[in-house]
Amino acid sequence: DLSEAAKIDGLGHWKILLTIFIPLSGPAIA
């Protein structure tokens, strides 16, 4: 739902990755 909402707002894949997925992935990145 988060990525779908971002697409509706006009965000592309790169912006979705940078603004949604990476900030939410702190534990996996660590």
ModelCIF file with pLDDT and N, C-alpha, C, O atoms, coordinates in Angstrom:
data_MODEL
#
_entry.id   MODEL 
#
_entity.id                         1 
_entity.type                       polymer 
_entity.pdbx_number_of_molecules   1 
#
_entity_poly.entity_id                      1 
_entity_poly.type                           'polypeptide(L)' 
_entity_poly.nstd_linkage                   no 
_entity_poly.nstd_monomer                   no 
_entity_poly.pdbx_seq_one_letter_code       DLSEAAKIDGLGHWKILLTIFIPLSGPAIA 
_entity_poly.pdbx_seq_one_letter_code_can   DLSEAAKIDGLGHWKILLTIFIPLSGPAIA 
_entity_poly.pdbx_strand_id                 A 
#
loop_
_entity_poly_seq.entity_id 
_entity_poly_seq.num 
_entity_poly_seq.mon_id 
_entity_poly_seq.hetero 
1 1  ASP n 
1 2  LEU n 
1 3  SER n 
1 4  GLU n 
1 5  ALA n 
1 6  ALA n 
1 7  LYS n 
1 8  ILE n 
1 9  ASP n 
1 10 GLY n 
1 11 LEU n 
1 12 GLY n 
1 13 HIS n 
1 14 TRP n 
1 15 LYS n 
1 16 ILE n 
1 17 LEU n 
1 18 LEU n 
1 19 THR n 
1 20 ILE n 
1 21 PHE n 
1 22 ILE n 
1 23 PRO n 
1 24 LEU n 
1 25 SER n 
1 26 GLY n 
1 27 PRO n 
1 28 ALA n 
1 29 ILE n 
1 30 ALA n 
#
_struct_asym.id          A 
_struct_asym.entity_id   1 
#
loop_
_ma_qa_metric.id 
_ma_qa_metric.mode 
_ma_qa_metric.name 
_ma_qa_metric.software_group_id 
_ma_qa_metric.type 
1 global pLDDT . pLDDT 
2 local  pLDDT . pLDDT 
#
_ma_qa_metric_global.metric_id      1 
_ma_qa_metric_global.metric_value   87.17 
_ma_qa_metric_global.model_id       1 
_ma_qa_metric_global.ordinal_id     1 
#
loop_
_ma_qa_metric_local.label_asym_id 
_ma_qa_metric_local.label_comp_id 
_ma_qa_metric_local.label_seq_id 
_ma_qa_metric_local.metric_id 
_ma_qa_metric_local.metric_value 
_ma_qa_metric_local.model_id 
_ma_qa_metric_local.ordinal_id 
A ASP 1  2 86.00 1 1  
A LEU 2  2 85.00 1 2  
A SER 3  2 83.00 1 3  
A GLU 4  2 84.00 1 4  
A ALA 5  2 87.00 1 5  
A ALA 6  2 85.00 1 6  
A LYS 7  2 85.00 1 7  
A ILE 8  2 85.00 1 8  
A ASP 9  2 83.00 1 9  
A GLY 10 2 85.00 1 10 
A LEU 11 2 85.00 1 11 
A GLY 12 2 87.00 1 12 
A HIS 13 2 86.00 1 13 
A TRP 14 2 90.00 1 14 
A LYS 15 2 91.00 1 15 
A ILE 16 2 90.00 1 16 
A LEU 17 2 91.00 1 17 
A LEU 18 2 90.00 1 18 
A THR 19 2 89.00 1 19 
A ILE 20 2 89.00 1 20 
A PHE 21 2 91.00 1 21 
A ILE 22 2 91.00 1 22 
A PRO 23 2 90.00 1 23 
A LEU 24 2 88.00 1 24 
A SER 25 2 87.00 1 25 
A GLY 26 2 85.00 1 26 
A PRO 27 2 84.00 1 27 
A ALA 28 2 87.00 1 28 
A ILE 29 2 89.00 1 29 
A ALA 30 2 87.00 1 30 
#
loop_
_atom_site.group_PDB 
_atom_site.id 
_atom_site.type_symbol 
_atom_site.label_atom_id 
_atom_site.label_alt_id 
_atom_site.label_comp_id 
_atom_site.label_asym_id 
_atom_site.label_entity_id 
_atom_site.label_seq_id 
_atom_site.pdbx_PDB_ins_code 
_atom_site.Cartn_x 
_atom_site.Cartn_y 
_atom_site.Cartn_z 
_atom_site.occupancy 
_atom_site.B_iso_or_equiv 
_atom_site.pdbx_formal_charge 
_atom_site.auth_seq_id 
_atom_site.auth_comp_id 
_atom_site.auth_asym_id 
_atom_site.auth_atom_id 
_atom_site.pdbx_PDB_model_num 
ATOM 1   N N  . ASP A 1 1  ? 0.831  -1.212 0.000  1.00 86.00 ? 1  ASP A N  1 
ATOM 2   C CA . ASP A 1 1  ? 0.000  0.000  0.000  1.00 86.00 ? 1  ASP A CA 1 
ATOM 3   C C  . ASP A 1 1  ? 0.862  1.257  0.000  1.00 86.00 ? 1  ASP A C  1 
ATOM 4   O O  . ASP A 1 1  ? 0.482  2.272  -0.585 1.00 86.00 ? 1  ASP A O  1 
ATOM 5   N N  . LEU A 1 2  ? 2.023  1.194  0.655  1.00 85.00 ? 2  LEU A N  1 
ATOM 6   C CA . LEU A 1 2  ? 2.892  2.371  0.717  1.00 85.00 ? 2  LEU A CA 1 
ATOM 7   C C  . LEU A 1 2  ? 3.421  2.733  -0.664 1.00 85.00 ? 2  LEU A C  1 
ATOM 8   O O  . LEU A 1 2  ? 3.391  3.897  -1.063 1.00 85.00 ? 2  LEU A O  1 
ATOM 9   N N  . SER A 1 3  ? 3.906  1.730  -1.392 1.00 83.00 ? 3  SER A N  1 
ATOM 10  C CA . SER A 1 3  ? 4.432  2.012  -2.728 1.00 83.00 ? 3  SER A CA 1 
ATOM 11  C C  . SER A 1 3  ? 3.319  2.372  -3.702 1.00 83.00 ? 3  SER A C  1 
ATOM 12  O O  . SER A 1 3  ? 3.520  3.200  -4.590 1.00 83.00 ? 3  SER A O  1 
ATOM 13  N N  . GLU A 1 4  ? 2.148  1.760  -3.549 1.00 84.00 ? 4  GLU A N  1 
ATOM 14  C CA . GLU A 1 4  ? 1.027  2.112  -4.426 1.00 84.00 ? 4  GLU A CA 1 
ATOM 15  C C  . GLU A 1 4  ? 0.592  3.545  -4.197 1.00 84.00 ? 4  GLU A C  1 
ATOM 16  O O  . GLU A 1 4  ? 0.301  4.265  -5.152 1.00 84.00 ? 4  GLU A O  1 
ATOM 17  N N  . ALA A 1 5  ? 0.545  3.973  -2.933 1.00 87.00 ? 5  ALA A N  1 
ATOM 18  C CA . ALA A 1 5  ? 0.182  5.358  -2.634 1.00 87.00 ? 5  ALA A CA 1 
ATOM 19  C C  . ALA A 1 5  ? 1.223  6.321  -3.201 1.00 87.00 ? 5  ALA A C  1 
ATOM 20  O O  . ALA A 1 5  ? 0.879  7.396  -3.693 1.00 87.00 ? 5  ALA A O  1 
ATOM 21  N N  . ALA A 1 6  ? 2.493  5.932  -3.129 1.00 85.00 ? 6  ALA A N  1 
ATOM 22  C CA . ALA A 1 6  ? 3.558  6.781  -3.672 1.00 85.00 ? 6  ALA A CA 1 
ATOM 23  C C  . ALA A 1 6  ? 3.439  6.892  -5.193 1.00 85.00 ? 6  ALA A C  1 
ATOM 24  O O  . ALA A 1 6  ? 3.682  7.961  -5.752 1.00 85.00 ? 6  ALA A O  1 
ATOM 25  N N  . LYS A 1 7  ? 3.069  5.804  -5.867 1.00 85.00 ? 7  LYS A N  1 
ATOM 26  C CA . LYS A 1 7  ? 2.894  5.852  -7.319 1.00 85.00 ? 7  LYS A CA 1 
ATOM 27  C C  . LYS A 1 7  ? 1.732  6.759  -7.698 1.00 85.00 ? 7  LYS A C  1 
ATOM 28  O O  . LYS A 1 7  ? 1.799  7.483  -8.691 1.00 85.00 ? 7  LYS A O  1 
ATOM 29  N N  . ILE A 1 8  ? 0.665  6.715  -6.903 1.00 85.00 ? 8  ILE A N  1 
ATOM 30  C CA . ILE A 1 8  ? -0.479 7.596  -7.162 1.00 85.00 ? 8  ILE A CA 1 
ATOM 31  C C  . ILE A 1 8  ? -0.060 9.058  -7.038 1.00 85.00 ? 8  ILE A C  1 
ATOM 32  O O  . ILE A 1 8  ? -0.554 9.919  -7.767 1.00 85.00 ? 8  ILE A O  1 
ATOM 33  N N  . ASP A 1 9  ? 0.863  9.332  -6.100 1.00 83.00 ? 9  ASP A N  1 
ATOM 34  C CA . ASP A 1 9  ? 1.363  10.699 -5.915 1.00 83.00 ? 9  ASP A CA 1 
ATOM 35  C C  . ASP A 1 9  ? 2.376  11.091 -6.984 1.00 83.00 ? 9  ASP A C  1 
ATOM 36  O O  . ASP A 1 9  ? 2.876  12.216 -6.976 1.00 83.00 ? 9  ASP A O  1 
ATOM 37  N N  . GLY A 1 10 ? 2.684  10.182 -7.900 1.00 85.00 ? 10 GLY A N  1 
ATOM 38  C CA . GLY A 1 10 ? 3.566  10.511 -9.003 1.00 85.00 ? 10 GLY A CA 1 
ATOM 39  C C  . GLY A 1 10 ? 5.027  10.185 -8.793 1.00 85.00 ? 10 GLY A C  1 
ATOM 40  O O  . GLY A 1 10 ? 5.871  10.621 -9.576 1.00 85.00 ? 10 GLY A O  1 
ATOM 41  N N  . LEU A 1 11 ? 5.349  9.429  -7.753 1.00 85.00 ? 11 LEU A N  1 
ATOM 42  C CA . LEU A 1 11 ? 6.738  9.084  -7.501 1.00 85.00 ? 11 LEU A CA 1 
ATOM 43  C C  . LEU A 1 11 ? 7.165  7.910  -8.379 1.00 85.00 ? 11 LEU A C  1 
ATOM 44  O O  . LEU A 1 11 ? 6.402  6.965  -8.583 1.00 85.00 ? 11 LEU A O  1 
ATOM 45  N N  . GLY A 1 12 ? 8.384  7.981  -8.892 1.00 87.00 ? 12 GLY A N  1 
ATOM 46  C CA . GLY A 1 12 ? 8.949  6.881  -9.656 1.00 87.00 ? 12 GLY A CA 1 
ATOM 47  C C  . GLY A 1 12 ? 9.631  5.878  -8.751 1.00 87.00 ? 12 GLY A C  1 
ATOM 48  O O  . GLY A 1 12 ? 9.658  6.044  -7.532 1.00 87.00 ? 12 GLY A O  1 
ATOM 49  N N  . HIS A 1 13 ? 10.184 4.831  -9.356 1.00 86.00 ? 13 HIS A N  1 
ATOM 50  C CA . HIS A 1 13 ? 10.793 3.761  -8.559 1.00 86.00 ? 13 HIS A CA 1 
ATOM 51  C C  . HIS A 1 13 ? 11.973 4.267  -7.729 1.00 86.00 ? 13 HIS A C  1 
ATOM 52  O O  . HIS A 1 13 ? 12.120 3.881  -6.569 1.00 86.00 ? 13 HIS A O  1 
ATOM 53  N N  . TRP A 1 14 ? 12.818 5.130  -8.311 1.00 90.00 ? 14 TRP A N  1 
ATOM 54  C CA . TRP A 1 14 ? 13.978 5.613  -7.569 1.00 90.00 ? 14 TRP A CA 1 
ATOM 55  C C  . TRP A 1 14 ? 13.564 6.400  -6.339 1.00 90.00 ? 14 TRP A C  1 
ATOM 56  O O  . TRP A 1 14 ? 14.139 6.223  -5.265 1.00 90.00 ? 14 TRP A O  1 
ATOM 57  N N  . LYS A 1 15 ? 12.553 7.284  -6.488 1.00 91.00 ? 15 LYS A N  1 
ATOM 58  C CA . LYS A 1 15 ? 12.110 8.081  -5.345 1.00 91.00 ? 15 LYS A CA 1 
ATOM 59  C C  . LYS A 1 15 ? 11.415 7.212  -4.304 1.00 91.00 ? 15 LYS A C  1 
ATOM 60  O O  . LYS A 1 15 ? 11.531 7.465  -3.105 1.00 91.00 ? 15 LYS A O  1 
ATOM 61  N N  . ILE A 1 16 ? 10.691 6.186  -4.757 1.00 90.00 ? 16 ILE A N  1 
ATOM 62  C CA . ILE A 1 16 ? 10.057 5.255  -3.803 1.00 90.00 ? 16 ILE A CA 1 
ATOM 63  C C  . ILE A 1 16 ? 11.123 4.525  -2.997 1.00 90.00 ? 16 ILE A C  1 
ATOM 64  O O  . ILE A 1 16 ? 11.001 4.363  -1.782 1.00 90.00 ? 16 ILE A O  1 
ATOM 65  N N  . LEU A 1 17 ? 12.174 4.086  -3.693 1.00 91.00 ? 17 LEU A N  1 
ATOM 66  C CA . LEU A 1 17 ? 13.265 3.402  -3.004 1.00 91.00 ? 17 LEU A CA 1 
ATOM 67  C C  . LEU A 1 17 ? 13.930 4.320  -1.980 1.00 91.00 ? 17 LEU A C  1 
ATOM 68  O O  . LEU A 1 17 ? 14.181 3.914  -0.845 1.00 91.00 ? 17 LEU A O  1 
ATOM 69  N N  . LEU A 1 18 ? 14.215 5.565  -2.387 1.00 90.00 ? 18 LEU A N  1 
ATOM 70  C CA . LEU A 1 18 ? 14.959 6.489  -1.526 1.00 90.00 ? 18 LEU A CA 1 
ATOM 71  C C  . LEU A 1 18 ? 14.121 7.048  -0.391 1.00 90.00 ? 18 LEU A C  1 
ATOM 72  O O  . LEU A 1 18 ? 14.641 7.274  0.702  1.00 90.00 ? 18 LEU A O  1 
ATOM 73  N N  . THR A 1 19 ? 12.829 7.278  -0.626 1.00 89.00 ? 19 THR A N  1 
ATOM 74  C CA . THR A 1 19 ? 12.002 7.947  0.385  1.00 89.00 ? 19 THR A CA 1 
ATOM 75  C C  . THR A 1 19 ? 11.180 7.008  1.248  1.00 89.00 ? 19 THR A C  1 
ATOM 76  O O  . THR A 1 19 ? 10.737 7.392  2.330  1.00 89.00 ? 19 THR A O  1 
ATOM 77  N N  . ILE A 1 20 ? 10.967 5.772  0.783  1.00 89.00 ? 20 ILE A N  1 
ATOM 78  C CA . ILE A 1 20 ? 10.122 4.837  1.544  1.00 89.00 ? 20 ILE A CA 1 
ATOM 79  C C  . ILE A 1 20 ? 10.901 3.600  1.977  1.00 89.00 ? 20 ILE A C  1 
ATOM 80  O O  . ILE A 1 20 ? 10.980 3.300  3.168  1.00 89.00 ? 20 ILE A O  1 
ATOM 81  N N  . PHE A 1 21 ? 11.470 2.891  1.024  1.00 91.00 ? 21 PHE A N  1 
ATOM 82  C CA . PHE A 1 21 ? 12.058 1.588  1.333  1.00 91.00 ? 21 PHE A CA 1 
ATOM 83  C C  . PHE A 1 21 ? 13.341 1.706  2.166  1.00 91.00 ? 21 PHE A C  1 
ATOM 84  O O  . PHE A 1 21 ? 13.500 1.006  3.165  1.00 91.00 ? 21 PHE A O  1 
ATOM 85  N N  . ILE A 1 22 ? 14.240 2.577  1.760  1.00 91.00 ? 22 ILE A N  1 
ATOM 86  C CA . ILE A 1 22 ? 15.496 2.693  2.512  1.00 91.00 ? 22 ILE A CA 1 
ATOM 87  C C  . ILE A 1 22 ? 15.269 3.209  3.929  1.00 91.00 ? 22 ILE A C  1 
ATOM 88  O O  . ILE A 1 22 ? 15.846 2.644  4.859  1.00 91.00 ? 22 ILE A O  1 
ATOM 89  N N  . PRO A 1 23 ? 14.449 4.266  4.153  1.00 90.00 ? 23 PRO A N  1 
ATOM 90  C CA . PRO A 1 23 ? 14.208 4.701  5.538  1.00 90.00 ? 23 PRO A CA 1 
ATOM 91  C C  . PRO A 1 23 ? 13.569 3.630  6.419  1.00 90.00 ? 23 PRO A C  1 
ATOM 92  O O  . PRO A 1 23 ? 13.799 3.605  7.628  1.00 90.00 ? 23 PRO A O  1 
ATOM 93  N N  . LEU A 1 24 ? 12.765 2.744  5.822  1.00 88.00 ? 24 LEU A N  1 
ATOM 94  C CA . LEU A 1 24 ? 12.108 1.691  6.601  1.00 88.00 ? 24 LEU A CA 1 
ATOM 95  C C  . LEU A 1 24 ? 12.990 0.446  6.769  1.00 88.00 ? 24 LEU A C  1 
ATOM 96  O O  . LEU A 1 24 ? 12.609 -0.491 7.471  1.00 88.00 ? 24 LEU A O  1 
ATOM 97  N N  . SER A 1 25 ? 14.148 0.433  6.139  1.00 87.00 ? 25 SER A N  1 
ATOM 98  C CA . SER A 1 25 ? 14.982 -0.772 6.106  1.00 87.00 ? 25 SER A CA 1 
ATOM 99  C C  . SER A 1 25 ? 16.210 -0.666 6.994  1.00 87.00 ? 25 SER A C  1 
ATOM 100 O O  . SER A 1 25 ? 17.205 -1.350 6.755  1.00 87.00 ? 25 SER A O  1 
ATOM 101 N N  . GLY A 1 26 ? 16.155 0.176  8.011  1.00 85.00 ? 26 GLY A N  1 
ATOM 102 C CA . GLY A 1 26 ? 17.291 0.323  8.910  1.00 85.00 ? 26 GLY A CA 1 
ATOM 103 C C  . GLY A 1 26 ? 17.798 -0.984 9.489  1.00 85.00 ? 26 GLY A C  1 
ATOM 104 O O  . GLY A 1 26 ? 19.004 -1.226 9.453  1.00 85.00 ? 26 GLY A O  1 
ATOM 105 N N  . PRO A 1 27 ? 16.912 -1.860 10.035 1.00 84.00 ? 27 PRO A N  1 
ATOM 106 C CA . PRO A 1 27 ? 17.399 -3.135 10.597 1.00 84.00 ? 27 PRO A CA 1 
ATOM 107 C C  . PRO A 1 27 ? 18.087 -4.020 9.569  1.00 84.00 ? 27 PRO A C  1 
ATOM 108 O O  . PRO A 1 27 ? 19.132 -4.600 9.863  1.00 84.00 ? 27 PRO A O  1 
ATOM 109 N N  . ALA A 1 28 ? 17.522 -4.138 8.365  1.00 87.00 ? 28 ALA A N  1 
ATOM 110 C CA . ALA A 1 28 ? 18.133 -4.995 7.338  1.00 87.00 ? 28 ALA A CA 1 
ATOM 111 C C  . ALA A 1 28 ? 19.446 -4.407 6.848  1.00 87.00 ? 28 ALA A C  1 
ATOM 112 O O  . ALA A 1 28 ? 20.401 -5.144 6.607  1.00 87.00 ? 28 ALA A O  1 
ATOM 113 N N  . ILE A 1 29 ? 19.505 -3.098 6.698  1.00 89.00 ? 29 ILE A N  1 
ATOM 114 C CA . ILE A 1 29 ? 20.748 -2.458 6.258  1.00 89.00 ? 29 ILE A CA 1 
ATOM 115 C C  . ILE A 1 29 ? 21.820 -2.621 7.332  1.00 89.00 ? 29 ILE A C  1 
ATOM 116 O O  . ILE A 1 29 ? 22.979 -2.894 7.018  1.00 89.00 ? 29 ILE A O  1 
ATOM 117 N N  . ALA A 1 30 ? 21.432 -2.451 8.611  1.00 87.00 ? 30 ALA A N  1 
ATOM 118 C CA . ALA A 1 30 ? 22.395 -2.643 9.697  1.00 87.00 ? 30 ALA A CA 1 
ATOM 119 C C  . ALA A 1 30 ? 22.909 -4.074 9.723  1.00 87.00 ? 30 ALA A C  1 
ATOM 120 O O  . ALA A 1 30 ? 23.729 -4.420 10.573 1.00 87.00 ? 30 ALA A O  1 
#
